[in-house]
Amino acid sequence: MNIAKKRKEYRLINILFKTIYKKKSAKWRGDYLREKHIFHHIGENVHLWGVPSDPYLISIGNNVIIAVSVEFVTHDIFYHALNQTYSELGKFYPHFDTITIEDNVCIGGFSKIMPGVVIGEGAIVAGGSVVTKDVPKGAIVGGNPAKVIGWTEELAKRRIAENRINYTVSNDVEEVEKYYWEILSRNNNL
């Protein structure tokens, strides 16, 4: 099957995700996509919201969380300009490349992962980042272009040291709101 037909199939799945399956969890979506063999590889316990245009070029490890509106760019469009300007050199075509996301990775919302990138095990990509180069194992990257801004081990130690109450989505909103507004008031002397 050619790329155009596959992309049409993926668009249909995205429409299903936005309509019929919109109340399904991100984990359910990951399981569904693994069953359908949409990605080159997709591991266990993967949470994601949509299907990129060329998922067969993307490999996702185990225990990966990909937030809403993350874009995976697996090819460029430079060939249009090259064909116009440098046609005497020959015919230019899109340049495709793979993306690899290793185990235990979190990718924040509205990030862009560019072609050829490997995101190392245990890494965190901050929301809104544009990842143009490989991310080292255990790194926290952010920005445009994304750069190392910290390490997950340091983050884990800071979070444990905060000794905060642990809340989940099951907790009562008023209880959570009261707790965090009290902390804010105390920290800002309000």
C-alpha atoms as a PDB file:
ATOM      1  CA  MET A   1       0.000   0.000   0.000  1.00  0.00           C
ATOM      2  CA  ASN A   2       1.397   3.430  -0.891  1.00  0.00           C
ATOM      3  CA  ILE A   3       2.050   6.293   1.539  1.00  0.00           C
ATOM      4  CA  ALA A   4      -0.958   8.344   0.379  1.00  0.00           C
ATOM      5  CA  LYS A   5      -3.369   5.467   1.126  1.00  0.00           C
ATOM      6  CA  LYS A   6      -1.769   4.822   4.518  1.00  0.00           C
ATOM      7  CA  ARG A   7      -2.053   8.519   5.448  1.00  0.00           C
ATOM      8  CA  LYS A   8      -5.757   8.405   4.545  1.00  0.00           C
ATOM      9  CA  GLU A   9      -6.168   5.424   6.895  1.00  0.00           C
ATOM     10  CA  TYR A  10      -4.384   7.300   9.716  1.00  0.00           C
ATOM     11  CA  ARG A  11      -6.573  10.369   9.181  1.00  0.00           C
ATOM     12  CA  LEU A  12      -9.624   8.137   9.561  1.00  0.00           C
ATOM     13  CA  ILE A  13      -8.278   6.778  12.859  1.00  0.00           C
ATOM     14  CA  ASN A  14      -7.681  10.354  14.061  1.00  0.00           C
ATOM     15  CA  ILE A  15     -11.298  11.205  13.169  1.00  0.00           C
ATOM     16  CA  LEU A  16     -12.427   8.178  15.194  1.00  0.00           C
ATOM     17  CA  PHE A  17     -10.279   9.380  18.107  1.00  0.00           C
ATOM     18  CA  LYS A  18     -11.937  12.822  17.947  1.00  0.00           C
ATOM     19  CA  THR A  19     -15.489  11.469  17.637  1.00  0.00           C
ATOM     20  CA  ILE A  20     -16.503   7.928  18.571  1.00  0.00           C
ATOM     21  CA  TYR A  21     -13.406   7.230  20.709  1.00  0.00           C
ATOM     22  CA  LYS A  22     -13.038  10.731  22.186  1.00  0.00           C
ATOM     23  CA  LYS A  23     -13.927   9.573  25.714  1.00  0.00           C
ATOM     24  CA  LYS A  24     -11.418   6.723  25.605  1.00  0.00           C
ATOM     25  CA  SER A  25      -8.247   7.133  27.643  1.00  0.00           C
ATOM     26  CA  ALA A  26      -4.833   7.857  26.164  1.00  0.00           C
ATOM     27  CA  LYS A  27      -3.728   4.386  27.304  1.00  0.00           C
ATOM     28  CA  TRP A  28      -6.676   2.769  25.487  1.00  0.00           C
ATOM     29  CA  ARG A  29      -5.620   4.632  22.348  1.00  0.00           C
ATOM     30  CA  GLY A  30      -2.057   3.324  22.673  1.00  0.00           C
ATOM     31  CA  ASP A  31      -3.338  -0.242  23.092  1.00  0.00           C
ATOM     32  CA  TYR A  32      -5.656   0.191  20.089  1.00  0.00           C
ATOM     33  CA  LEU A  33      -2.805   1.453  17.889  1.00  0.00           C
ATOM     34  CA  ARG A  34      -0.553  -1.424  19.008  1.00  0.00           C
ATOM     35  CA  GLU A  35      -3.273  -3.949  18.068  1.00  0.00           C
ATOM     36  CA  LYS A  36      -3.631  -2.318  14.636  1.00  0.00           C
ATOM     37  CA  HIS A  37       0.183  -2.385  14.044  1.00  0.00           C
ATOM     38  CA  ILE A  38       0.128   1.289  13.053  1.00  0.00           C
ATOM     39  CA  PHE A  39       3.615   2.203  14.328  1.00  0.00           C
ATOM     40  CA  HIS A  40       6.914   0.559  13.425  1.00  0.00           C
ATOM     41  CA  HIS A  41       6.912  -0.478  17.093  1.00  0.00           C
ATOM     42  CA  ILE A  42       4.780   0.565  20.052  1.00  0.00           C
ATOM     43  CA  GLY A  43       5.460  -0.862  23.496  1.00  0.00           C
ATOM     44  CA  GLU A  44       3.258  -1.611  26.471  1.00  0.00           C
ATOM     45  CA  ASN A  45       1.648   1.071  28.646  1.00  0.00           C
ATOM     46  CA  VAL A  46       1.843   3.838  26.039  1.00  0.00           C
ATOM     47  CA  HIS A  47      -0.444   6.862  26.442  1.00  0.00           C
ATOM     48  CA  LEU A  48      -1.012   9.069  23.404  1.00  0.00           C
ATOM     49  CA  TRP A  49      -3.750  11.149  21.814  1.00  0.00           C
ATOM     50  CA  GLY A  50      -3.398  10.926  18.066  1.00  0.00           C
ATOM     51  CA  VAL A  51      -1.721   9.341  15.070  1.00  0.00           C
ATOM     52  CA  PRO A  52       1.053  11.144  13.173  1.00  0.00           C
ATOM     53  CA  SER A  53       1.012  11.157   9.371  1.00  0.00           C
ATOM     54  CA  ASP A  54       3.806   8.548   9.010  1.00  0.00           C
ATOM     55  CA  PRO A  55       3.648   6.331  12.136  1.00  0.00           C
ATOM     56  CA  TYR A  56       5.421   3.423  10.405  1.00  0.00           C
ATOM     57  CA  LEU A  57       8.608   5.526  10.754  1.00  0.00           C
ATOM     58  CA  ILE A  58       8.159   5.901  14.536  1.00  0.00           C
ATOM     59  CA  SER A  59       9.223   3.464  17.239  1.00  0.00           C
ATOM     60  CA  ILE A  60       7.853   3.959  20.782  1.00  0.00           C
ATOM     61  CA  GLY A  61       9.138   2.025  23.804  1.00  0.00           C
ATOM     62  CA  ASN A  62       7.341   0.923  26.971  1.00  0.00           C
ATOM     63  CA  ASN A  63       5.814   3.248  29.597  1.00  0.00           C
ATOM     64  CA  VAL A  64       5.723   6.325  27.374  1.00  0.00           C
ATOM     65  CA  ILE A  65       3.357   9.251  27.855  1.00  0.00           C
ATOM     66  CA  ILE A  66       2.825  11.590  24.917  1.00  0.00           C
ATOM     67  CA  ALA A  67       0.640  14.583  25.755  1.00  0.00           C
ATOM     68  CA  VAL A  68      -1.931  16.235  23.544  1.00  0.00           C
ATOM     69  CA  SER A  69      -0.943  17.971  20.282  1.00  0.00           C
ATOM     70  CA  VAL A  70       2.561  16.518  20.004  1.00  0.00           C
ATOM     71  CA  GLU A  71       3.739  16.527  16.388  1.00  0.00           C
ATOM     72  CA  PHE A  72       6.083  13.966  14.881  1.00  0.00           C
ATOM     73  CA  VAL A  73       7.741  15.280  11.739  1.00  0.00           C
ATOM     74  CA  THR A  74       9.154  12.384   9.706  1.00  0.00           C
ATOM     75  CA  HIS A  75       9.988  14.208   6.487  1.00  0.00           C
ATOM     76  CA  ASP A  76      10.847  17.600   5.071  1.00  0.00           C
ATOM     77  CA  ILE A  77       9.361  19.638   2.239  1.00  0.00           C
ATOM     78  CA  PHE A  78      12.595  21.256   1.066  1.00  0.00           C
ATOM     79  CA  TYR A  79      12.448  19.406  -2.226  1.00  0.00           C
ATOM     80  CA  HIS A  80       9.863  21.910  -3.477  1.00  0.00           C
ATOM     81  CA  ALA A  81      12.312  24.811  -3.182  1.00  0.00           C
ATOM     82  CA  LEU A  82      15.276  22.721  -4.355  1.00  0.00           C
ATOM     83  CA  ASN A  83      13.400  21.636  -7.484  1.00  0.00           C
ATOM     84  CA  GLN A  84      12.618  25.277  -8.296  1.00  0.00           C
ATOM     85  CA  THR A  85      16.088  26.655  -7.662  1.00  0.00           C
ATOM     86  CA  TYR A  86      18.428  23.766  -8.471  1.00  0.00           C
ATOM     87  CA  SER A  87      16.566  21.770 -11.118  1.00  0.00           C
ATOM     88  CA  GLU A  88      19.712  21.665 -13.269  1.00  0.00           C
ATOM     89  CA  LEU A  89      21.285  19.381 -10.615  1.00  0.00           C
ATOM     90  CA  GLY A  90      18.501  16.806 -10.907  1.00  0.00           C
ATOM     91  CA  LYS A  91      15.140  15.911  -9.386  1.00  0.00           C
ATOM     92  CA  PHE A  92      14.666  16.296  -5.618  1.00  0.00           C
ATOM     93  CA  TYR A  93      12.288  14.282  -3.420  1.00  0.00           C
ATOM     94  CA  PRO A  94      11.173  14.436   0.233  1.00  0.00           C
ATOM     95  CA  HIS A  95      13.748  13.324   2.771  1.00  0.00           C
ATOM     96  CA  PHE A  96      12.197  10.810   5.209  1.00  0.00           C
ATOM     97  CA  ASP A  97      13.733   9.685   8.510  1.00  0.00           C
ATOM     98  CA  THR A  98      12.756   7.713  11.602  1.00  0.00           C
ATOM     99  CA  ILE A  99      11.981   8.819  15.156  1.00  0.00           C
ATOM    100  CA  THR A 100      12.770   6.607  18.150  1.00  0.00           C
ATOM    101  CA  ILE A 101      11.326   7.117  21.621  1.00  0.00           C
ATOM    102  CA  GLU A 102      12.898   4.797  24.173  1.00  0.00           C
ATOM    103  CA  ASP A 103      11.310   3.446  27.392  1.00  0.00           C
ATOM    104  CA  ASN A 104       9.957   5.601  30.248  1.00  0.00           C
ATOM    105  CA  VAL A 105       9.774   8.864  28.312  1.00  0.00           C
ATOM    106  CA  CYS A 106       7.345  11.774  28.842  1.00  0.00           C
ATOM    107  CA  ILE A 107       6.707  14.260  26.037  1.00  0.00           C
ATOM    108  CA  GLY A 108       4.890  17.472  26.974  1.00  0.00           C
ATOM    109  CA  GLY A 109       2.021  18.927  24.983  1.00  0.00           C
ATOM    110  CA  PHE A 110       2.529  20.956  21.824  1.00  0.00           C
ATOM    111  CA  SER A 111       6.079  19.654  21.336  1.00  0.00           C
ATOM    112  CA  LYS A 112       7.533  18.868  17.914  1.00  0.00           C
ATOM    113  CA  ILE A 113       9.849  15.939  17.333  1.00  0.00           C
ATOM    114  CA  MET A 114      11.862  16.331  14.132  1.00  0.00           C
ATOM    115  CA  PRO A 115      13.123  13.597  11.749  1.00  0.00           C
ATOM    116  CA  GLY A 116      16.035  11.408  12.807  1.00  0.00           C
ATOM    117  CA  VAL A 117      15.701  12.103  16.541  1.00  0.00           C
ATOM    118  CA  VAL A 118      16.207   9.506  19.291  1.00  0.00           C
ATOM    119  CA  ILE A 119      14.752  10.372  22.692  1.00  0.00           C
ATOM    120  CA  GLY A 120      16.731   8.439  25.297  1.00  0.00           C
ATOM    121  CA  GLU A 121      15.368   6.262  28.079  1.00  0.00           C
ATOM    122  CA  GLY A 122      13.814   8.128  31.001  1.00  0.00           C
ATOM    123  CA  ALA A 123      13.939  11.519  29.284  1.00  0.00           C
ATOM    124  CA  ILE A 124      11.385  14.308  29.636  1.00  0.00           C
ATOM    125  CA  VAL A 125      10.559  16.743  26.843  1.00  0.00           C
ATOM    126  CA  ALA A 126       9.064  19.976  28.222  1.00  0.00           C
ATOM    127  CA  GLY A 127       5.828  21.168  26.635  1.00  0.00           C
ATOM    128  CA  GLY A 128       6.215  23.334  23.544  1.00  0.00           C
ATOM    129  CA  SER A 129       9.732  22.125  22.772  1.00  0.00           C
ATOM    130  CA  VAL A 130      11.123  21.584  19.295  1.00  0.00           C
ATOM    131  CA  VAL A 131      13.427  18.557  19.450  1.00  0.00           C
ATOM    132  CA  THR A 132      15.929  18.716  16.600  1.00  0.00           C
ATOM    133  CA  LYS A 133      18.717  16.530  18.070  1.00  0.00           C
ATOM    134  CA  ASP A 134      18.972  13.328  20.072  1.00  0.00           C
ATOM    135  CA  VAL A 135      17.988  13.594  23.751  1.00  0.00           C
ATOM    136  CA  PRO A 136      20.383  11.887  26.202  1.00  0.00           C
ATOM    137  CA  LYS A 137      19.143   9.208  28.570  1.00  0.00           C
ATOM    138  CA  GLY A 138      17.609  10.777  31.703  1.00  0.00           C
ATOM    139  CA  ALA A 139      17.725  14.344  30.384  1.00  0.00           C
ATOM    140  CA  ILE A 140      15.040  17.003  30.647  1.00  0.00           C
ATOM    141  CA  VAL A 141      15.003  19.135  27.511  1.00  0.00           C
ATOM    142  CA  GLY A 142      13.076  22.266  26.663  1.00  0.00           C
ATOM    143  CA  GLY A 143      12.977  25.213  24.296  1.00  0.00           C
ATOM    144  CA  ASN A 144      13.279  25.847  20.579  1.00  0.00           C
ATOM    145  CA  PRO A 145      15.547  24.198  19.680  1.00  0.00           C
ATOM    146  CA  ALA A 146      15.371  21.914  22.725  1.00  0.00           C
ATOM    147  CA  LYS A 147      18.420  21.919  24.984  1.00  0.00           C
ATOM    148  CA  VAL A 148      19.199  20.019  28.181  1.00  0.00           C
ATOM    149  CA  ILE A 149      17.737  22.020  31.088  1.00  0.00           C
ATOM    150  CA  GLY A 150      18.011  19.367  33.792  1.00  0.00           C
ATOM    151  CA  TRP A 151      18.072  15.691  34.670  1.00  0.00           C
ATOM    152  CA  THR A 152      15.217  13.422  35.706  1.00  0.00           C
ATOM    153  CA  GLU A 153      17.115  12.066  38.724  1.00  0.00           C
ATOM    154  CA  GLU A 154      17.512  15.610  40.105  1.00  0.00           C
ATOM    155  CA  LEU A 155      13.808  16.276  39.480  1.00  0.00           C
ATOM    156  CA  ALA A 156      12.850  13.066  41.298  1.00  0.00           C
ATOM    157  CA  LYS A 157      14.962  14.038  44.339  1.00  0.00           C
ATOM    158  CA  ARG A 158      13.450  17.562  44.427  1.00  0.00           C
ATOM    159  CA  ARG A 159       9.907  16.219  44.190  1.00  0.00           C
ATOM    160  CA  ILE A 160      10.464  13.735  47.027  1.00  0.00           C
ATOM    161  CA  ALA A 161      12.086  16.464  49.171  1.00  0.00           C
ATOM    162  CA  GLU A 162       9.008  18.700  48.743  1.00  0.00           C
ATOM    163  CA  ASN A 163       7.065  16.190  50.832  1.00  0.00           C
ATOM    164  CA  ARG A 164       3.729  17.332  49.382  1.00  0.00           C
ATOM    165  CA  ILE A 165       0.431  15.549  49.656  1.00  0.00           C
ATOM    166  CA  ASN A 166      -0.104  13.299  46.643  1.00  0.00           C
ATOM    167  CA  TYR A 167      -3.282  13.914  44.681  1.00  0.00           C
ATOM    168  CA  THR A 168      -4.727  12.079  41.695  1.00  0.00           C
ATOM    169  CA  VAL A 169      -7.572  12.868  39.314  1.00  0.00           C
ATOM    170  CA  SER A 170      -9.857  10.962  41.695  1.00  0.00           C
ATOM    171  CA  ASN A 171      -9.453  13.477  44.524  1.00  0.00           C
ATOM    172  CA  ASP A 172     -12.034  16.109  45.367  1.00  0.00           C
ATOM    173  CA  VAL A 173     -11.360  19.386  43.499  1.00  0.00           C
ATOM    174  CA  GLU A 174     -12.065  21.602  46.521  1.00  0.00           C
ATOM    175  CA  GLU A 175      -9.520  19.690  48.638  1.00  0.00           C
ATOM    176  CA  VAL A 176      -6.791  20.052  45.991  1.00  0.00           C
ATOM    177  CA  GLU A 177      -7.623  23.702  45.337  1.00  0.00           C
ATOM    178  CA  LYS A 178      -7.486  24.577  49.045  1.00  0.00           C
ATOM    179  CA  TYR A 179      -4.128  22.844  49.517  1.00  0.00           C
ATOM    180  CA  TYR A 180      -2.383  24.537  46.590  1.00  0.00           C
ATOM    181  CA  TRP A 181      -3.814  28.005  47.208  1.00  0.00           C
ATOM    182  CA  GLU A 182      -2.632  27.767  50.833  1.00  0.00           C
ATOM    183  CA  ILE A 183       0.890  26.931  49.598  1.00  0.00           C
ATOM    184  CA  LEU A 184       0.771  29.845  47.140  1.00  0.00           C
ATOM    185  CA  SER A 185      -0.404  32.246  49.843  1.00  0.00           C
ATOM    186  CA  ARG A 186       2.324  31.078  52.218  1.00  0.00           C
ATOM    187  CA  ASN A 187       5.082  31.307  49.576  1.00  0.00           C
ATOM    188  CA  ASN A 188       4.008  34.765  48.394  1.00  0.00           C
ATOM    189  CA  ASN A 189       2.998  36.156  51.800  1.00  0.00           C
ATOM    190  CA  LEU A 190      -0.514  36.874  50.547  1.00  0.00           C
END
